[in-house]
């Protein structure tokens, strides 16, 4: 099970911290990702982190978003700073490897107003 939470409505330039609670998978051995989806478009990868903690961020969010994880707590995080309207969307967390993914869950909505 993957439950993302922490979204909300924020003005441009503001910050949010998303959290992902993971159960039912071997989290400590899984590379994980944060994904964003907007209506009418495919879900896209925003950031991922290896099981060892090596992060990667998509170019549009690099320098503003920071992905992290706590293997002891089965939690993953996405710190989002200097938010822009184009960051608006529903954010999901899941295993990076497609064949190992669990159900997507409801995600958490992030809305950035200009």
PDB file of N, CA and C in Angstrom:
ATOM      1  N   UNK A   1       0.841  -1.186   0.000  1.00  0.00           N
ATOM      2  CA  UNK A   1       0.000   0.000   0.000  1.00  0.00           C
ATOM      3  C   UNK A   1       0.877   1.238   0.000  1.00  0.00           C
ATOM      4  N   UNK A   2       0.460   2.231  -0.757  1.00  0.00           N
ATOM      5  CA  UNK A   2       1.217   3.483  -0.842  1.00  0.00           C
ATOM      6  C   UNK A   2       0.248   4.633  -0.649  1.00  0.00           C
ATOM      7  N   UNK A   3       0.474   5.411   0.377  1.00  0.00           N
ATOM      8  CA  UNK A   3      -0.415   6.519   0.694  1.00  0.00           C
ATOM      9  C   UNK A   3       0.368   7.818   0.687  1.00  0.00           C
ATOM     10  N   UNK A   4       0.017   8.683  -0.243  1.00  0.00           N
ATOM     11  CA  UNK A   4       0.648   9.998  -0.335  1.00  0.00           C
ATOM     12  C   UNK A   4      -0.231  11.024   0.351  1.00  0.00           C
ATOM     13  N   UNK A   5       0.389  11.937   1.089  1.00  0.00           N
ATOM     14  CA  UNK A   5      -0.374  12.981   1.749  1.00  0.00           C
ATOM     15  C   UNK A   5       0.508  14.202   1.941  1.00  0.00           C
ATOM     16  N   UNK A   6      -0.132  15.305   2.310  1.00  0.00           N
ATOM     17  CA  UNK A   6       0.604  16.542   2.556  1.00  0.00           C
ATOM     18  C   UNK A   6       0.371  17.623   1.520  1.00  0.00           C
ATOM     19  N   UNK A   7      -0.428  17.346   0.505  1.00  0.00           N
ATOM     20  CA  UNK A   7      -0.700  18.344  -0.510  1.00  0.00           C
ATOM     21  C   UNK A   7      -1.596  19.455   0.014  1.00  0.00           C
ATOM     22  N   UNK A   8      -1.864  20.424  -0.853  1.00  0.00           N
ATOM     23  CA  UNK A   8      -2.720  21.521  -0.460  1.00  0.00           C
ATOM     24  C   UNK A   8      -2.687  22.638  -1.471  1.00  0.00           C
ATOM     25  N   UNK A   9      -3.271  23.752  -1.079  1.00  0.00           N
ATOM     26  CA  UNK A   9      -3.298  24.949  -1.913  1.00  0.00           C
ATOM     27  C   UNK A   9      -2.275  25.938  -1.369  1.00  0.00           C
ATOM     28  N   UNK A  10      -1.414  26.406  -2.256  1.00  0.00           N
ATOM     29  CA  UNK A  10      -0.348  27.303  -1.829  1.00  0.00           C
ATOM     30  C   UNK A  10      -0.121  28.347  -2.917  1.00  0.00           C
ATOM     31  N   UNK A  11       0.326  29.513  -2.516  1.00  0.00           N
ATOM     32  CA  UNK A  11       0.649  30.549  -3.488  1.00  0.00           C
ATOM     33  C   UNK A  11       2.005  30.273  -4.122  1.00  0.00           C
ATOM     34  N   UNK A  12       2.186  30.792  -5.308  1.00  0.00           N
ATOM     35  CA  UNK A  12       3.473  30.667  -5.980  1.00  0.00           C
ATOM     36  C   UNK A  12       4.573  31.197  -5.074  1.00  0.00           C
ATOM     37  N   UNK A  13       5.669  30.457  -5.037  1.00  0.00           N
ATOM     38  CA  UNK A  13       6.772  30.811  -4.166  1.00  0.00           C
ATOM     39  C   UNK A  13       6.728  30.123  -2.811  1.00  0.00           C
ATOM     40  N   UNK A  14       5.606  29.495  -2.514  1.00  0.00           N
ATOM     41  CA  UNK A  14       5.452  28.813  -1.245  1.00  0.00           C
ATOM     42  C   UNK A  14       6.064  27.424  -1.239  1.00  0.00           C
ATOM     43  N   UNK A  15       5.872  26.721  -0.139  1.00  0.00           N
ATOM     44  CA  UNK A  15       6.467  25.401   0.047  1.00  0.00           C
ATOM     45  C   UNK A  15       5.440  24.401   0.562  1.00  0.00           C
ATOM     46  N   UNK A  16       5.664  23.155   0.234  1.00  0.00           N
ATOM     47  CA  UNK A  16       4.895  22.036   0.767  1.00  0.00           C
ATOM     48  C   UNK A  16       5.836  20.857   0.955  1.00  0.00           C
ATOM     49  N   UNK A  17       5.481  19.993   1.878  1.00  0.00           N
ATOM     50  CA  UNK A  17       6.236  18.753   2.058  1.00  0.00           C
ATOM     51  C   UNK A  17       5.277  17.583   1.924  1.00  0.00           C
ATOM     52  N   UNK A  18       5.485  16.787   0.911  1.00  0.00           N
ATOM     53  CA  UNK A  18       4.678  15.594   0.712  1.00  0.00           C
ATOM     54  C   UNK A  18       5.317  14.412   1.428  1.00  0.00           C
ATOM     55  N   UNK A  19       4.466  13.539   1.921  1.00  0.00           N
ATOM     56  CA  UNK A  19       4.928  12.318   2.563  1.00  0.00           C
ATOM     57  C   UNK A  19       4.272  11.115   1.902  1.00  0.00           C
ATOM     58  N   UNK A  20       4.970  10.003   1.951  1.00  0.00           N
ATOM     59  CA  UNK A  20       4.448   8.753   1.388  1.00  0.00           C
ATOM     60  C   UNK A  20       4.663   7.659   2.413  1.00  0.00           C
ATOM     61  N   UNK A  21       3.585   7.072   2.864  1.00  0.00           N
ATOM     62  CA  UNK A  21       3.649   5.952   3.797  1.00  0.00           C
ATOM     63  C   UNK A  21       3.538   4.659   3.004  1.00  0.00           C
ATOM     64  N   UNK A  22       4.494   3.763   3.219  1.00  0.00           N
ATOM     65  CA  UNK A  22       4.583   2.547   2.412  1.00  0.00           C
ATOM     66  C   UNK A  22       4.446   1.319   3.292  1.00  0.00           C
ATOM     67  N   UNK A  23       3.646   0.377   2.835  1.00  0.00           N
ATOM     68  CA  UNK A  23       3.529  -0.916   3.506  1.00  0.00           C
ATOM     69  C   UNK A  23       3.291  -1.983   2.448  1.00  0.00           C
ATOM     70  N   UNK A  24       3.598  -3.213   2.811  1.00  0.00           N
ATOM     71  CA  UNK A  24       3.326  -4.317   1.907  1.00  0.00           C
ATOM     72  C   UNK A  24       4.387  -4.597   0.873  1.00  0.00           C
ATOM     73  N   UNK A  25       5.438  -3.787   0.847  1.00  0.00           N
ATOM     74  CA  UNK A  25       6.564  -4.057  -0.045  1.00  0.00           C
ATOM     75  C   UNK A  25       7.841  -3.946   0.772  1.00  0.00           C
ATOM     76  N   UNK A  26       8.914  -4.479   0.223  1.00  0.00           N
ATOM     77  CA  UNK A  26      10.207  -4.385   0.904  1.00  0.00           C
ATOM     78  C   UNK A  26      10.789  -3.019   0.586  1.00  0.00           C
ATOM     79  N   UNK A  27      10.321  -2.032   1.332  1.00  0.00           N
ATOM     80  CA  UNK A  27      10.646  -0.647   1.036  1.00  0.00           C
ATOM     81  C   UNK A  27      12.149  -0.414   1.020  1.00  0.00           C
ATOM     82  N   UNK A  28      12.847  -0.961   1.993  1.00  0.00           N
ATOM     83  CA  UNK A  28      14.272  -0.656   2.139  1.00  0.00           C
ATOM     84  C   UNK A  28      15.105  -1.149   0.959  1.00  0.00           C
ATOM     85  N   UNK A  29      14.522  -2.039   0.132  1.00  0.00           N
ATOM     86  CA  UNK A  29      15.231  -2.563  -1.036  1.00  0.00           C
ATOM     87  C   UNK A  29      14.669  -2.033  -2.351  1.00  0.00           C
ATOM     88  N   UNK A  30      13.743  -1.072  -2.264  1.00  0.00           N
ATOM     89  CA  UNK A  30      13.045  -0.586  -3.448  1.00  0.00           C
ATOM     90  C   UNK A  30      13.467   0.828  -3.815  1.00  0.00           C
ATOM     91  N   UNK A  31      13.785   1.017  -5.094  1.00  0.00           N
ATOM     92  CA  UNK A  31      13.929   2.373  -5.615  1.00  0.00           C
ATOM     93  C   UNK A  31      12.518   2.956  -5.756  1.00  0.00           C
ATOM     94  N   UNK A  32      12.353   4.186  -5.304  1.00  0.00           N
ATOM     95  CA  UNK A  32      11.018   4.772  -5.230  1.00  0.00           C
ATOM     96  C   UNK A  32      10.933   6.070  -6.028  1.00  0.00           C
ATOM     97  N   UNK A  33       9.719   6.441  -6.399  1.00  0.00           N
ATOM     98  CA  UNK A  33       9.539   7.665  -7.162  1.00  0.00           C
ATOM     99  C   UNK A  33       8.318   8.454  -6.748  1.00  0.00           C
ATOM    100  N   UNK A  34       8.392   9.743  -7.015  1.00  0.00           N
ATOM    101  CA  UNK A  34       7.241  10.649  -6.925  1.00  0.00           C
ATOM    102  C   UNK A  34       6.809  10.980  -8.354  1.00  0.00           C
ATOM    103  N   UNK A  35       5.509  10.926  -8.565  1.00  0.00           N
ATOM    104  CA  UNK A  35       4.946  11.142  -9.883  1.00  0.00           C
ATOM    105  C   UNK A  35       3.871  12.224  -9.801  1.00  0.00           C
ATOM    106  N   UNK A  36       3.686  12.938 -10.904  1.00  0.00           N
ATOM    107  CA  UNK A  36       2.649  13.969 -10.954  1.00  0.00           C
ATOM    108  C   UNK A  36       1.764  13.713 -12.170  1.00  0.00           C
ATOM    109  N   UNK A  37       0.484  13.905 -11.962  1.00  0.00           N
ATOM    110  CA  UNK A  37      -0.463  13.779 -13.065  1.00  0.00           C
ATOM    111  C   UNK A  37      -1.412  14.959 -13.071  1.00  0.00           C
ATOM    112  N   UNK A  38      -1.629  15.493 -14.255  1.00  0.00           N
ATOM    113  CA  UNK A  38      -2.632  16.537 -14.438  1.00  0.00           C
ATOM    114  C   UNK A  38      -3.700  15.983 -15.375  1.00  0.00           C
ATOM    115  N   UNK A  39      -4.905  16.491 -15.289  1.00  0.00           N
ATOM    116  CA  UNK A  39      -5.995  15.956 -16.113  1.00  0.00           C
ATOM    117  C   UNK A  39      -5.657  15.973 -17.596  1.00  0.00           C
ATOM    118  N   UNK A  40      -5.906  14.842 -18.245  1.00  0.00           N
ATOM    119  CA  UNK A  40      -5.682  14.749 -19.678  1.00  0.00           C
ATOM    120  C   UNK A  40      -4.271  14.412 -20.086  1.00  0.00           C
ATOM    121  N   UNK A  41      -3.387  14.268 -19.109  1.00  0.00           N
ATOM    122  CA  UNK A  41      -1.988  13.964 -19.423  1.00  0.00           C
ATOM    123  C   UNK A  41      -1.536  12.729 -18.673  1.00  0.00           C
ATOM    124  N   UNK A  42      -0.480  12.122 -19.193  1.00  0.00           N
ATOM    125  CA  UNK A  42       0.064  10.940 -18.539  1.00  0.00           C
ATOM    126  C   UNK A  42       0.781  11.312 -17.244  1.00  0.00           C
ATOM    127  N   UNK A  43       0.810  10.359 -16.378  1.00  0.00           N
ATOM    128  CA  UNK A  43       1.544  10.521 -15.137  1.00  0.00           C
ATOM    129  C   UNK A  43       3.045  10.620 -15.453  1.00  0.00           C
ATOM    130  N   UNK A  44       3.716  11.606 -14.875  1.00  0.00           N
ATOM    131  CA  UNK A  44       5.124  11.787 -15.164  1.00  0.00           C
ATOM    132  C   UNK A  44       5.964  11.688 -13.899  1.00  0.00           C
ATOM    133  N   UNK A  45       7.179  11.207 -14.078  1.00  0.00           N
ATOM    134  CA  UNK A  45       8.100  11.064 -12.956  1.00  0.00           C
ATOM    135  C   UNK A  45       8.705  12.422 -12.609  1.00  0.00           C
ATOM    136  N   UNK A  46       8.605  12.792 -11.360  1.00  0.00           N
ATOM    137  CA  UNK A  46       9.135  14.066 -10.888  1.00  0.00           C
ATOM    138  C   UNK A  46      10.490  13.890 -10.220  1.00  0.00           C
ATOM    139  N   UNK A  47      10.618  12.834  -9.449  1.00  0.00           N
ATOM    140  CA  UNK A  47      11.869  12.571  -8.740  1.00  0.00           C
ATOM    141  C   UNK A  47      11.899  11.097  -8.353  1.00  0.00           C
ATOM    142  N   UNK A  48      13.080  10.564  -8.229  1.00  0.00           N
ATOM    143  CA  UNK A  48      13.193   9.207  -7.686  1.00  0.00           C
ATOM    144  C   UNK A  48      14.417   9.111  -6.790  1.00  0.00           C
ATOM    145  N   UNK A  49      14.411   8.064  -5.992  1.00  0.00           N
ATOM    146  CA  UNK A  49      15.503   7.850  -5.044  1.00  0.00           C
ATOM    147  C   UNK A  49      15.776   6.361  -4.949  1.00  0.00           C
ATOM    148  N   UNK A  50      17.038   5.998  -4.991  1.00  0.00           N
ATOM    149  CA  UNK A  50      17.399   4.590  -4.893  1.00  0.00           C
ATOM    150  C   UNK A  50      17.212   4.090  -3.470  1.00  0.00           C
ATOM    151  N   UNK A  51      17.244   2.773  -3.312  1.00  0.00           N
ATOM    152  CA  UNK A  51      17.080   2.226  -1.964  1.00  0.00           C
ATOM    153  C   UNK A  51      18.216   2.685  -1.058  1.00  0.00           C
ATOM    154  N   UNK A  52      19.353   3.033  -1.665  1.00  0.00           N
ATOM    155  CA  UNK A  52      20.490   3.509  -0.882  1.00  0.00           C
ATOM    156  C   UNK A  52      20.475   5.003  -0.632  1.00  0.00           C
ATOM    157  N   UNK A  53      19.509   5.710  -1.232  1.00  0.00           N
ATOM    158  CA  UNK A  53      19.375   7.128  -0.944  1.00  0.00           C
ATOM    159  C   UNK A  53      19.899   8.075  -2.008  1.00  0.00           C
ATOM    160  N   UNK A  54      20.263   7.577  -3.168  1.00  0.00           N
ATOM    161  CA  UNK A  54      20.734   8.462  -4.227  1.00  0.00           C
ATOM    162  C   UNK A  54      19.539   9.087  -4.936  1.00  0.00           C
ATOM    163  N   UNK A  55      19.454  10.420  -4.944  1.00  0.00           N
ATOM    164  CA  UNK A  55      18.287  11.075  -5.529  1.00  0.00           C
ATOM    165  C   UNK A  55      18.479  11.476  -6.989  1.00  0.00           C
ATOM    166  N   UNK A  56      17.375  11.640  -7.652  1.00  0.00           N
ATOM    167  CA  UNK A  56      17.339  12.220  -9.002  1.00  0.00           C
ATOM    168  C   UNK A  56      16.094  13.083  -9.078  1.00  0.00           C
ATOM    169  N   UNK A  57      16.231  14.266  -9.701  1.00  0.00           N
ATOM    170  CA  UNK A  57      15.104  15.164  -9.853  1.00  0.00           C
ATOM    171  C   UNK A  57      14.968  15.565 -11.313  1.00  0.00           C
ATOM    172  N   UNK A  58      13.737  15.617 -11.800  1.00  0.00           N
ATOM    173  CA  UNK A  58      13.500  16.070 -13.157  1.00  0.00           C
ATOM    174  C   UNK A  58      13.963  17.513 -13.297  1.00  0.00           C
ATOM    175  N   UNK A  59      14.407  17.872 -14.472  1.00  0.00           N
ATOM    176  CA  UNK A  59      14.984  19.195 -14.689  1.00  0.00           C
ATOM    177  C   UNK A  59      14.068  20.343 -14.263  1.00  0.00           C
ATOM    178  N   UNK A  60      12.755  20.278 -14.541  1.00  0.00           N
ATOM    179  CA  UNK A  60      11.894  21.418 -14.161  1.00  0.00           C
ATOM    180  C   UNK A  60      11.808  21.666 -12.654  1.00  0.00           C
ATOM    181  N   UNK A  61      12.157  20.662 -11.850  1.00  0.00           N
ATOM    182  CA  UNK A  61      12.051  20.818 -10.400  1.00  0.00           C
ATOM    183  C   UNK A  61      13.407  20.816  -9.715  1.00  0.00           C
ATOM    184  N   UNK A  62      14.450  20.587 -10.474  1.00  0.00           N
ATOM    185  CA  UNK A  62      15.787  20.523  -9.879  1.00  0.00           C
ATOM    186  C   UNK A  62      16.136  21.847  -9.215  1.00  0.00           C
ATOM    187  N   UNK A  63      16.635  21.740  -7.990  1.00  0.00           N
ATOM    188  CA  UNK A  63      16.974  22.930  -7.235  1.00  0.00           C
ATOM    189  C   UNK A  63      15.833  23.478  -6.402  1.00  0.00           C
ATOM    190  N   UNK A  64      14.623  22.976  -6.658  1.00  0.00           N
ATOM    191  CA  UNK A  64      13.451  23.427  -5.889  1.00  0.00           C
ATOM    192  C   UNK A  64      12.846  22.296  -5.068  1.00  0.00           C
ATOM    193  N   UNK A  65      12.891  21.085  -5.602  1.00  0.00           N
ATOM    194  CA  UNK A  65      12.333  19.915  -4.914  1.00  0.00           C
ATOM    195  C   UNK A  65      13.470  19.042  -4.395  1.00  0.00           C
ATOM    196  N   UNK A  66      13.224  18.396  -3.278  1.00  0.00           N
ATOM    197  CA  UNK A  66      14.190  17.466  -2.728  1.00  0.00           C
ATOM    198  C   UNK A  66      13.485  16.197  -2.274  1.00  0.00           C
ATOM    199  N   UNK A  67      13.884  15.082  -2.849  1.00  0.00           N
ATOM    200  CA  UNK A  67      13.322  13.793  -2.458  1.00  0.00           C
ATOM    201  C   UNK A  67      14.201  13.177  -1.375  1.00  0.00           C
ATOM    202  N   UNK A  68      13.576  12.514  -0.435  1.00  0.00           N
ATOM    203  CA  UNK A  68      14.329  11.843   0.629  1.00  0.00           C
ATOM    204  C   UNK A  68      13.521  10.651   1.115  1.00  0.00           C
ATOM    205  N   UNK A  69      14.139   9.837   1.938  1.00  0.00           N
ATOM    206  CA  UNK A  69      13.456   8.654   2.458  1.00  0.00           C
ATOM    207  C   UNK A  69      13.991   8.301   3.829  1.00  0.00           C
ATOM    208  N   UNK A  70      13.175   7.592   4.579  1.00  0.00           N
ATOM    209  CA  UNK A  70      13.560   7.079   5.883  1.00  0.00           C
ATOM    210  C   UNK A  70      13.215   5.597   5.877  1.00  0.00           C
ATOM    211  N   UNK A  71      14.203   4.758   5.626  1.00  0.00           N
ATOM    212  CA  UNK A  71      13.941   3.329   5.509  1.00  0.00           C
ATOM    213  C   UNK A  71      13.470   2.711   6.827  1.00  0.00           C
ATOM    214  N   UNK A  72      13.871   3.293   7.931  1.00  0.00           N
ATOM    215  CA  UNK A  72      13.458   2.762   9.231  1.00  0.00           C
ATOM    216  C   UNK A  72      11.968   2.979   9.474  1.00  0.00           C
ATOM    217  N   UNK A  73      11.424   4.015   8.849  1.00  0.00           N
ATOM    218  CA  UNK A  73      10.010   4.337   9.046  1.00  0.00           C
ATOM    219  C   UNK A  73       9.142   3.961   7.856  1.00  0.00           C
ATOM    220  N   UNK A  74       9.743   3.399   6.819  1.00  0.00           N
ATOM    221  CA  UNK A  74       8.999   3.094   5.580  1.00  0.00           C
ATOM    222  C   UNK A  74       8.301   4.338   5.039  1.00  0.00           C
ATOM    223  N   UNK A  75       9.032   5.445   5.016  1.00  0.00           N
ATOM    224  CA  UNK A  75       8.478   6.716   4.571  1.00  0.00           C
ATOM    225  C   UNK A  75       9.372   7.339   3.504  1.00  0.00           C
ATOM    226  N   UNK A  76       8.719   8.047   2.593  1.00  0.00           N
ATOM    227  CA  UNK A  76       9.426   8.820   1.585  1.00  0.00           C
ATOM    228  C   UNK A  76       8.840  10.221   1.599  1.00  0.00           C
ATOM    229  N   UNK A  77       9.658  11.209   1.212  1.00  0.00           N
ATOM    230  CA  UNK A  77       9.237  12.597   1.301  1.00  0.00           C
ATOM    231  C   UNK A  77       9.592  13.347   0.020  1.00  0.00           C
ATOM    232  N   UNK A  78       8.878  14.430  -0.208  1.00  0.00           N
ATOM    233  CA  UNK A  78       9.220  15.347  -1.277  1.00  0.00           C
ATOM    234  C   UNK A  78       9.044  16.759  -0.743  1.00  0.00           C
ATOM    235  N   UNK A  79      10.163  17.415  -0.484  1.00  0.00           N
ATOM    236  CA  UNK A  79      10.142  18.806  -0.054  1.00  0.00           C
ATOM    237  C   UNK A  79      10.078  19.665  -1.294  1.00  0.00           C
ATOM    238  N   UNK A  80       9.049  20.485  -1.391  1.00  0.00           N
ATOM    239  CA  UNK A  80       8.829  21.323  -2.577  1.00  0.00           C
ATOM    240  C   UNK A  80       8.906  22.790  -2.167  1.00  0.00           C
ATOM    241  N   UNK A  81       9.902  23.474  -2.665  1.00  0.00           N
ATOM    242  CA  UNK A  81      10.096  24.892  -2.368  1.00  0.00           C
ATOM    243  C   UNK A  81       9.929  25.721  -3.637  1.00  0.00           C
ATOM    244  N   UNK A  82       9.710  27.008  -3.453  1.00  0.00           N
ATOM    245  CA  UNK A  82       9.558  27.927  -4.580  1.00  0.00           C
ATOM    246  C   UNK A  82       8.586  27.344  -5.616  1.00  0.00           C
ATOM    247  N   UNK A  83       7.442  26.955  -5.143  1.00  0.00           N
ATOM    248  CA  UNK A  83       6.462  26.311  -6.018  1.00  0.00           C
ATOM    249  C   UNK A  83       5.966  27.253  -7.103  1.00  0.00           C
ATOM    250  N   UNK A  84       5.694  26.669  -8.251  1.00  0.00           N
ATOM    251  CA  UNK A  84       5.210  27.410  -9.409  1.00  0.00           C
ATOM    252  C   UNK A  84       3.855  26.855  -9.838  1.00  0.00           C
ATOM    253  N   UNK A  85       3.051  27.653 -10.526  1.00  0.00           N
ATOM    254  CA  UNK A  85       1.741  27.153 -10.974  1.00  0.00           C
ATOM    255  C   UNK A  85       1.845  25.866 -11.796  1.00  0.00           C
ATOM    256  N   UNK A  86       2.923  25.718 -12.550  1.00  0.00           N
ATOM    257  CA  UNK A  86       3.075  24.514 -13.369  1.00  0.00           C
ATOM    258  C   UNK A  86       3.379  23.265 -12.544  1.00  0.00           C
ATOM    259  N   UNK A  87       3.611  23.413 -11.260  1.00  0.00           N
ATOM    260  CA  UNK A  87       3.785  22.257 -10.375  1.00  0.00           C
ATOM    261  C   UNK A  87       2.440  21.677  -9.945  1.00  0.00           C
ATOM    262  N   UNK A  88       1.374  22.351 -10.275  1.00  0.00           N
ATOM    263  CA  UNK A  88       0.038  21.881  -9.911  1.00  0.00           C
ATOM    264  C   UNK A  88      -0.248  20.514 -10.498  1.00  0.00           C
ATOM    265  N   UNK A  89      -0.846  19.657  -9.688  1.00  0.00           N
ATOM    266  CA  UNK A  89      -1.217  18.317 -10.139  1.00  0.00           C
ATOM    267  C   UNK A  89      -1.453  17.407  -8.956  1.00  0.00           C
ATOM    268  N   UNK A  90      -1.818  16.180  -9.273  1.00  0.00           N
ATOM    269  CA  UNK A  90      -1.977  15.185  -8.216  1.00  0.00           C
ATOM    270  C   UNK A  90      -0.695  14.376  -8.150  1.00  0.00           C
ATOM    271  N   UNK A  91      -0.143  14.288  -6.984  1.00  0.00           N
ATOM    272  CA  UNK A  91       1.137  13.629  -6.764  1.00  0.00           C
ATOM    273  C   UNK A  91       0.926  12.243  -6.170  1.00  0.00           C
ATOM    274  N   UNK A  92       1.659  11.298  -6.723  1.00  0.00           N
ATOM    275  CA  UNK A  92       1.596   9.904  -6.298  1.00  0.00           C
ATOM    276  C   UNK A  92       2.999   9.407  -5.976  1.00  0.00           C
ATOM    277  N   UNK A  93       3.049   8.411  -5.128  1.00  0.00           N
ATOM    278  CA  UNK A  93       4.310   7.739  -4.871  1.00  0.00           C
ATOM    279  C   UNK A  93       4.164   6.269  -5.258  1.00  0.00           C
ATOM    280  N   UNK A  94       5.265   5.703  -5.706  1.00  0.00           N
ATOM    281  CA  UNK A  94       5.236   4.288  -6.073  1.00  0.00           C
ATOM    282  C   UNK A  94       6.655   3.800  -6.295  1.00  0.00           C
ATOM    283  N   UNK A  95       6.758   2.492  -6.440  1.00  0.00           N
ATOM    284  CA  UNK A  95       8.039   1.880  -6.766  1.00  0.00           C
ATOM    285  C   UNK A  95       8.458   2.340  -8.159  1.00  0.00           C
ATOM    286  N   UNK A  96       9.740   2.569  -8.323  1.00  0.00           N
ATOM    287  CA  UNK A  96      10.223   3.063  -9.599  1.00  0.00           C
ATOM    288  C   UNK A  96      10.095   2.009 -10.696  1.00  0.00           C
ATOM    289  N   UNK A  97      10.442   0.783 -10.386  1.00  0.00           N
ATOM    290  CA  UNK A  97      10.406  -0.296 -11.371  1.00  0.00           C
ATOM    291  C   UNK A  97       8.967  -0.662 -11.677  1.00  0.00           C
ATOM    292  N   UNK A  98       8.602  -0.540 -12.933  1.00  0.00           N
ATOM    293  CA  UNK A  98       7.205  -0.726 -13.333  1.00  0.00           C
ATOM    294  C   UNK A  98       6.664  -2.092 -12.915  1.00  0.00           C
ATOM    295  N   UNK A  99       7.466  -3.132 -13.079  1.00  0.00           N
ATOM    296  CA  UNK A  99       6.979  -4.487 -12.796  1.00  0.00           C
ATOM    297  C   UNK A  99       6.743  -4.730 -11.311  1.00  0.00           C
ATOM    298  N   UNK A 100       7.299  -3.862 -10.477  1.00  0.00           N
ATOM    299  CA  UNK A 100       7.177  -4.064  -9.030  1.00  0.00           C
ATOM    300  C   UNK A 100       6.191  -3.103  -8.382  1.00  0.00           C
ATOM    301  N   UNK A 101       5.520  -2.277  -9.150  1.00  0.00           N
ATOM    302  CA  UNK A 101       4.652  -1.252  -8.580  1.00  0.00           C
ATOM    303  C   UNK A 101       3.414  -1.842  -7.928  1.00  0.00           C
ATOM    304  N   UNK A 102       2.972  -1.154  -6.909  1.00  0.00           N
ATOM    305  CA  UNK A 102       1.716  -1.474  -6.281  1.00  0.00           C
ATOM    306  C   UNK A 102       0.612  -0.590  -6.838  1.00  0.00           C
ATOM    307  N   UNK A 103      -0.590  -0.739  -6.295  1.00  0.00           N
ATOM    308  CA  UNK A 103      -1.698   0.137  -6.706  1.00  0.00           C
ATOM    309  C   UNK A 103      -1.327   1.594  -6.457  1.00  0.00           C
ATOM    310  N   UNK A 104      -1.811   2.498  -7.304  1.00  0.00           N
ATOM    311  CA  UNK A 104      -1.391   3.890  -7.232  1.00  0.00           C
ATOM    312  C   UNK A 104      -1.973   4.646  -6.043  1.00  0.00           C
ATOM    313  N   UNK A 105      -3.052   4.247  -5.516  1.00  0.00           N
ATOM    314  CA  UNK A 105      -3.673   4.989  -4.442  1.00  0.00           C
ATOM    315  C   UNK A 105      -4.290   6.278  -4.944  1.00  0.00           C
ATOM    316  N   UNK A 106      -4.758   7.099  -4.030  1.00  0.00           N
ATOM    317  CA  UNK A 106      -5.480   8.316  -4.388  1.00  0.00           C
ATOM    318  C   UNK A 106      -4.568   9.497  -4.663  1.00  0.00           C
ATOM    319  N   UNK A 107      -3.339   9.409  -4.228  1.00  0.00           N
ATOM    320  CA  UNK A 107      -2.433  10.541  -4.410  1.00  0.00           C
ATOM    321  C   UNK A 107      -2.827  11.712  -3.528  1.00  0.00           C
ATOM    322  N   UNK A 108      -2.124  12.817  -3.715  1.00  0.00           N
ATOM    323  CA  UNK A 108      -2.427  14.022  -2.952  1.00  0.00           C
ATOM    324  C   UNK A 108      -2.356  15.217  -3.898  1.00  0.00           C
ATOM    325  N   UNK A 109      -3.352  16.084  -3.828  1.00  0.00           N
ATOM    326  CA  UNK A 109      -3.465  17.197  -4.762  1.00  0.00           C
ATOM    327  C   UNK A 109      -2.613  18.373  -4.301  1.00  0.00           C
ATOM    328  N   UNK A 110      -1.848  18.915  -5.244  1.00  0.00           N
ATOM    329  CA  UNK A 110      -1.079  20.131  -5.016  1.00  0.00           C
ATOM    330  C   UNK A 110      -1.590  21.178  -6.003  1.00  0.00           C
ATOM    331  N   UNK A 111      -1.998  22.302  -5.471  1.00  0.00           N
ATOM    332  CA  UNK A 111      -2.478  23.391  -6.319  1.00  0.00           C
ATOM    333  C   UNK A 111      -1.696  24.646  -5.965  1.00  0.00           C
ATOM    334  N   UNK A 112      -1.056  25.216  -6.983  1.00  0.00           N
ATOM    335  CA  UNK A 112      -0.246  26.413  -6.783  1.00  0.00           C
ATOM    336  C   UNK A 112      -0.914  27.561  -7.525  1.00  0.00           C
ATOM    337  N   UNK A 113      -1.291  28.574  -6.792  1.00  0.00           N
ATOM    338  CA  UNK A 113      -1.948  29.724  -7.404  1.00  0.00           C
ATOM    339  C   UNK A 113      -0.925  30.796  -7.740  1.00  0.00           C
ATOM    340  N   UNK A 114      -1.195  31.514  -8.812  1.00  0.00           N
ATOM    341  CA  UNK A 114      -0.253  32.556  -9.253  1.00  0.00           C
ATOM    342  C   UNK A 114      -0.559  33.892  -8.601  1.00  0.00           C
TER     343      UNK A 114
END
